Amino acid sequence: MIAAGTARGEALAALRRAFAEAGLDEPALDARILLTEAAGLSQHDLLARPEAPLSAQAATRLSGFAARRLAREPVWRILGQAEFWGLPFRLSAETLVPRPDTETLVETALALAPRPDPAILDLGTGTGCVLIALLHERPNARGVGIDRAEGACRTARDNARANGVGARAAFLAGDWAAALSPGARFDLVVSNPPYIPRGDIAGLAEEVRAHDPARALDGGADGLDAYRAILARGGDLLAADGVLALEVGAEQADAVARIGERQGLVPARIAHDLAGVARVVTFTAESAA
């Protein structure tokens, strides 16, 4: 698609047109990200010298990236990593791509943590992005991330080391809290569990449906199965004054709050993301009310 010697600016314009014609949501952004990565450029380099030619290696790499994007592979899957909370996270087939909305979970957890050095549990850790972001912000905290996929645990472990918190994070494979020792309690329990109703998965964008792991999306018939499982153990996992914070899908906040109340937990706050969507539901144990 892109020939060696093509000027950077011309290559960028050609990619943008191709992506727009294919109906991609953000053709200009995708084109810029893939071009700078393929050519090893910074944004400044691209803007400062748009007339500079692409090397044969960069053109070949960029053409491969473009073909994959036109086949609806997400940009971050193509690059193999994504940014979250200003930190880089390597991806794998067993992990979701971290999404900006999930930063609301981190913000809320930081605001409600009962102590400056909390013991943290992250259920369904994936890339480890939530736990690692929290540990990055709380340098005396320690945490455990659990995921059903061993591959996700390996990826999260690598990401923790790469982001300088590996000595304070442990990752276990298991089904929600079943991997923990009996009696383990935490100051902060967080989770971004699967919450897409099973019948809605077929209608998701191909970038999500075909590339994110299905069991990280599938929340059961009504999208709430994972919340029932987590909240059934919620009170047993919280230390005194501990907080449980859950990311939820659109229009799920009230239903999740009711599930928690039926399990003896006390809803503490519903936090909204930048689009105004109720994104995080938090609880305390009844004894802390």
Protein backbone atom coordinates (compact mmCIF):
# COMPACT_ATOMS: atom_id res chain seq x y z
CA MET A 1 0.00 0.00 0.00
CA ILE A 2 2.77 2.47 0.95
CA ALA A 3 5.90 2.54 -1.24
CA ALA A 4 9.42 3.15 0.01
CA GLY A 5 10.37 6.80 -0.44
CA THR A 6 6.85 8.10 0.05
CA ALA A 7 6.90 11.34 2.01
CA ARG A 8 5.67 11.04 5.57
CA GLY A 9 2.89 13.56 5.02
CA GLU A 10 1.71 11.82 1.85
CA ALA A 11 1.67 8.45 3.60
CA LEU A 12 -0.33 9.94 6.45
CA ALA A 13 -2.89 11.42 4.07
CA ALA A 14 -3.20 8.16 2.12
CA LEU A 15 -3.80 6.16 5.27
CA ARG A 16 -6.33 8.65 6.55
CA ARG A 17 -8.29 8.44 3.31
CA ALA A 18 -8.20 4.64 3.24
CA PHE A 19 -9.34 4.40 6.86
CA ALA A 20 -12.11 6.95 6.34
CA GLU A 21 -13.38 5.15 3.23
CA ALA A 22 -13.44 1.91 5.24
CA GLY A 23 -15.65 3.58 7.85
CA LEU A 24 -13.20 3.45 10.74
CA ASP A 25 -14.21 5.66 13.65
CA GLU A 26 -11.01 7.69 14.02
CA PRO A 27 -9.16 7.53 10.72
CA ALA A 28 -6.83 10.47 11.34
CA LEU A 29 -5.80 9.33 14.81
CA ASP A 30 -5.30 5.71 13.74
CA ALA A 31 -3.21 6.80 10.75
CA ARG A 32 -0.98 9.01 12.86
CA ILE A 33 -0.42 6.39 15.56
CA LEU A 34 0.43 3.64 13.09
CA LEU A 35 2.73 5.85 11.01
CA THR A 36 4.75 7.11 13.95
CA GLU A 37 5.12 3.58 15.31
CA ALA A 38 6.07 2.04 11.96
CA ALA A 39 8.69 4.70 11.25
CA GLY A 40 9.94 5.10 14.82
CA LEU A 41 8.96 8.77 14.90
CA SER A 42 7.67 11.11 17.54
CA GLN A 43 4.66 13.32 16.86
CA HIS A 44 7.08 16.24 16.68
CA ASP A 45 9.21 14.49 14.04
CA LEU A 46 6.15 13.90 11.88
CA LEU A 47 4.99 17.50 12.11
CA ALA A 48 8.44 19.02 11.70
CA ARG A 49 9.42 17.08 8.57
CA PRO A 50 6.38 15.82 6.68
CA GLU A 51 8.38 15.85 3.43
CA ALA A 52 10.99 13.33 4.67
CA PRO A 53 10.77 9.97 2.84
CA LEU A 54 9.92 6.69 4.50
CA SER A 55 12.58 4.02 4.46
CA ALA A 56 11.82 0.69 2.81
CA GLN A 57 11.58 -0.96 6.22
CA ALA A 58 9.18 1.68 7.55
CA ALA A 59 7.01 1.52 4.41
CA THR A 60 6.76 -2.27 4.60
CA ARG A 61 5.93 -2.18 8.27
CA LEU A 62 3.35 0.57 7.78
CA SER A 63 1.68 -1.32 4.93
CA GLY A 64 1.34 -4.36 7.18
CA PHE A 65 -0.13 -2.25 9.96
CA ALA A 66 -2.60 -0.65 7.54
CA ALA A 67 -3.78 -4.01 6.21
CA ARG A 68 -4.42 -5.24 9.73
CA ARG A 69 -6.34 -2.10 10.67
CA LEU A 70 -8.46 -2.31 7.53
CA ALA A 71 -9.29 -5.86 8.62
CA ARG A 72 -10.68 -4.27 11.82
CA GLU A 73 -7.89 -5.27 14.14
CA PRO A 74 -7.69 -2.53 16.81
CA VAL A 75 -4.72 -0.19 16.73
CA TRP A 76 -3.59 -1.22 20.19
CA ARG A 77 -3.69 -4.91 19.28
CA ILE A 78 -1.53 -4.13 16.26
CA LEU A 79 0.99 -2.31 18.44
CA GLY A 80 0.80 -4.94 21.19
CA GLN A 81 0.42 -2.42 23.97
CA ALA A 82 -1.84 0.39 25.16
CA GLU A 83 -1.55 3.31 27.54
CA PHE A 84 -3.63 3.53 30.71
CA TRP A 85 -3.25 6.06 33.53
CA GLY A 86 -0.22 7.38 31.65
CA LEU A 87 1.52 4.00 31.89
CA PRO A 88 2.29 1.44 29.15
CA PHE A 89 0.63 -1.97 29.29
CA ARG A 90 1.54 -4.95 27.14
CA LEU A 91 -1.44 -6.82 25.74
CA SER A 92 -1.99 -10.51 25.11
CA ALA A 93 -4.76 -12.65 23.65
CA GLU A 94 -6.11 -13.26 27.17
CA THR A 95 -6.51 -9.58 28.08
CA LEU A 96 -8.86 -6.76 27.24
CA VAL A 97 -7.45 -3.52 25.86
CA PRO A 98 -7.52 -1.06 28.79
CA ARG A 99 -10.13 1.62 28.15
CA PRO A 100 -10.22 5.25 29.28
CA ASP A 101 -13.56 4.75 31.07
CA THR A 102 -11.84 2.38 33.50
CA GLU A 103 -9.70 5.25 34.80
CA THR A 104 -12.88 6.28 36.65
CA LEU A 105 -12.49 3.08 38.69
CA VAL A 106 -8.93 4.03 39.62
CA GLU A 107 -9.90 7.61 40.50
CA THR A 108 -12.77 6.45 42.68
CA ALA A 109 -10.71 3.81 44.46
CA LEU A 110 -7.96 6.32 45.24
CA ALA A 111 -10.49 8.80 46.60
CA LEU A 112 -12.16 6.25 48.88
CA ALA A 113 -9.20 4.13 50.03
CA PRO A 114 -9.39 4.07 53.84
CA ARG A 115 -5.62 4.38 54.37
CA PRO A 116 -2.59 5.63 52.40
CA ASP A 117 -0.99 2.17 52.20
CA PRO A 118 -3.94 -0.09 51.42
CA ALA A 119 -3.87 -3.81 50.81
CA ILE A 120 -5.55 -4.09 47.41
CA LEU A 121 -7.34 -6.94 45.65
CA ASP A 122 -8.09 -6.72 41.92
CA LEU A 123 -10.55 -9.35 40.68
CA GLY A 124 -10.36 -10.12 36.97
CA THR A 125 -7.07 -8.25 36.66
CA GLY A 126 -6.43 -8.75 32.90
CA THR A 127 -3.40 -6.64 31.99
CA GLY A 128 -3.15 -5.61 35.65
CA CYS A 129 -3.83 -2.01 34.64
CA VAL A 130 -6.13 -1.11 37.55
CA LEU A 131 -3.98 -2.67 40.28
CA ILE A 132 -0.75 -1.35 38.78
CA ALA A 133 -2.17 2.18 38.45
CA LEU A 134 -3.24 2.08 42.10
CA LEU A 135 0.16 0.82 43.25
CA HIS A 136 1.84 3.49 41.15
CA GLU A 137 -0.13 6.16 43.00
CA ARG A 138 0.28 4.57 46.44
CA PRO A 139 3.98 3.66 46.80
CA ASN A 140 3.50 1.91 50.15
CA ALA A 141 0.54 -0.19 49.04
CA ARG A 142 0.66 -3.87 48.13
CA GLY A 143 -1.79 -5.83 46.03
CA VAL A 144 -3.01 -9.09 44.59
CA GLY A 145 -4.50 -9.50 41.12
CA ILE A 146 -6.57 -12.56 40.21
CA ASP A 147 -7.66 -13.72 36.78
CA ARG A 148 -9.14 -16.96 35.49
CA ALA A 149 -6.65 -16.96 32.58
CA GLU A 150 -3.08 -17.92 33.44
CA GLY A 151 -1.92 -16.05 30.35
CA ALA A 152 -3.48 -12.86 31.69
CA CYS A 153 -1.66 -13.36 35.00
CA ARG A 154 1.66 -13.69 33.15
CA THR A 155 0.93 -10.53 31.17
CA ALA A 156 -0.04 -8.61 34.33
CA ARG A 157 3.10 -9.80 36.11
CA ASP A 158 5.25 -8.54 33.23
CA ASN A 159 3.40 -5.21 33.24
CA ALA A 160 3.89 -4.81 36.98
CA ARG A 161 7.64 -5.32 36.61
CA ALA A 162 7.83 -2.98 33.62
CA ASN A 163 6.02 -0.24 35.56
CA GLY A 164 8.18 -0.57 38.66
CA VAL A 165 5.67 -2.16 41.05
CA GLY A 166 6.48 -5.83 40.55
CA ALA A 167 7.85 -6.27 44.08
CA ARG A 168 4.54 -5.12 45.55
CA ALA A 169 2.16 -7.12 43.33
CA ALA A 170 1.26 -10.80 43.22
CA PHE A 171 -0.88 -12.40 40.52
CA LEU A 172 -2.88 -15.60 40.97
CA ALA A 173 -4.92 -17.69 38.56
CA GLY A 174 -8.36 -18.57 39.88
CA ASP A 175 -12.09 -18.01 39.75
CA TRP A 176 -12.67 -14.66 41.45
CA ALA A 177 -11.69 -14.90 45.13
CA ALA A 178 -11.42 -18.71 45.23
CA ALA A 179 -7.64 -18.48 44.78
CA LEU A 180 -7.20 -16.61 48.08
CA SER A 181 -6.31 -18.10 51.42
CA PRO A 182 -9.28 -18.34 53.83
CA GLY A 183 -9.66 -15.20 55.89
CA ALA A 184 -7.73 -12.91 53.52
CA ARG A 185 -9.02 -9.35 53.83
CA PHE A 186 -8.24 -6.17 51.94
CA ASP A 187 -8.65 -2.43 52.45
CA LEU A 188 -9.59 -1.98 48.81
CA VAL A 189 -11.25 -4.50 46.49
CA VAL A 190 -11.63 -3.43 42.85
CA SER A 191 -12.94 -5.13 39.74
CA ASN A 192 -13.79 -4.42 36.12
CA PRO A 193 -15.64 -7.70 35.46
CA PRO A 194 -17.39 -8.94 32.32
CA TYR A 195 -20.69 -7.07 32.05
CA ILE A 196 -21.95 -7.37 28.47
CA PRO A 197 -25.25 -9.31 28.27
CA ARG A 198 -24.53 -12.47 26.28
CA GLY A 199 -27.14 -11.66 23.66
CA ASP A 200 -25.51 -8.28 22.95
CA ILE A 201 -22.03 -9.59 22.14
CA ALA A 202 -22.85 -10.38 18.50
CA GLY A 203 -23.75 -6.71 17.99
CA LEU A 204 -20.49 -5.29 19.33
CA ALA A 205 -17.99 -3.63 17.02
CA GLU A 206 -15.80 -6.16 15.23
CA GLU A 207 -12.74 -4.65 16.90
CA VAL A 208 -14.14 -5.81 20.23
CA ARG A 209 -16.11 -8.92 19.26
CA ALA A 210 -13.33 -10.53 17.22
CA HIS A 211 -10.28 -9.48 19.23
CA ASP A 212 -11.13 -9.19 22.92
CA PRO A 213 -11.35 -12.48 24.86
CA ALA A 214 -14.98 -13.62 24.96
CA ARG A 215 -14.99 -14.57 28.62
CA ALA A 216 -13.77 -11.08 29.55
CA LEU A 217 -16.89 -9.67 27.85
CA ASP A 218 -19.64 -12.19 28.60
CA GLY A 219 -21.57 -11.20 31.71
CA GLY A 220 -24.25 -13.86 31.35
CA ALA A 221 -27.84 -13.50 30.23
CA ASP A 222 -28.38 -10.11 31.89
CA GLY A 223 -24.75 -9.00 32.17
CA LEU A 224 -24.77 -9.28 35.97
CA ASP A 225 -23.40 -12.78 36.66
CA ALA A 226 -19.95 -11.58 37.70
CA TYR A 227 -21.41 -9.03 40.12
CA ARG A 228 -23.46 -11.71 41.82
CA ALA A 229 -20.35 -13.85 42.27
CA ILE A 230 -18.15 -11.02 43.54
CA LEU A 231 -20.73 -9.46 45.85
CA ALA A 232 -21.61 -12.80 47.40
CA ARG A 233 -18.07 -12.77 48.85
CA GLY A 234 -17.69 -9.00 49.14
CA GLY A 235 -18.23 -8.65 52.88
CA ASP A 236 -15.82 -11.50 53.62
CA LEU A 237 -13.04 -9.82 51.63
CA LEU A 238 -13.18 -6.36 53.21
CA ALA A 239 -11.08 -5.31 56.17
CA ALA A 240 -12.59 -2.91 58.69
CA ASP A 241 -13.47 0.33 56.85
CA GLY A 242 -12.62 -1.39 53.57
CA VAL A 243 -14.13 -0.33 50.25
CA LEU A 244 -15.30 -2.42 47.30
CA ALA A 245 -15.38 -0.61 43.93
CA LEU A 246 -16.87 -2.13 40.78
CA GLU A 247 -16.92 -0.84 37.24
CA VAL A 248 -20.36 -1.32 35.66
CA GLY A 249 -21.88 -1.04 32.21
CA ALA A 250 -24.32 1.64 31.15
CA GLU A 251 -27.60 1.49 33.11
CA GLN A 252 -26.32 -1.27 35.42
CA ALA A 253 -25.43 0.83 38.47
CA ASP A 254 -28.78 0.57 40.26
CA ALA A 255 -29.08 -3.16 39.66
CA VAL A 256 -25.55 -3.78 40.96
CA ALA A 257 -26.25 -1.62 44.04
CA ARG A 258 -29.32 -3.73 44.79
CA ILE A 259 -27.33 -6.98 44.44
CA GLY A 260 -24.80 -5.65 46.96
CA GLU A 261 -27.50 -4.58 49.40
CA ARG A 262 -29.04 -8.05 49.30
CA GLN A 263 -25.62 -9.40 50.31
CA GLY A 264 -25.45 -7.09 53.34
CA LEU A 265 -23.18 -4.47 51.79
CA VAL A 266 -23.80 -0.75 52.02
CA PRO A 267 -23.69 1.26 48.74
CA ALA A 268 -21.30 4.16 49.32
CA ARG A 269 -21.05 6.09 46.06
CA ILE A 270 -21.90 5.90 42.37
CA ALA A 271 -19.22 7.63 40.31
CA HIS A 272 -19.73 8.88 36.75
CA ASP A 273 -17.25 8.84 33.88
CA LEU A 274 -16.41 11.84 31.67
CA ALA A 275 -19.45 11.14 29.49
CA GLY A 276 -21.73 11.30 32.51
CA VAL A 277 -22.40 7.55 32.57
CA ALA A 278 -22.73 5.90 36.00
CA ARG A 279 -19.53 3.87 35.76
CA VAL A 280 -18.45 2.77 39.25
CA VAL A 281 -20.50 1.47 42.19
CA THR A 282 -18.81 1.34 45.59
CA PHE A 283 -19.71 -0.46 48.81
CA THR A 284 -18.61 -0.76 52.39
CA ALA A 285 -19.27 -3.67 54.72
CA GLU A 286 -22.37 -3.33 56.90
CA SER A 287 -20.25 -3.15 60.03
CA ALA A 288 -18.50 -0.06 58.62
CA ALA A 289 -21.75 1.85 58.04
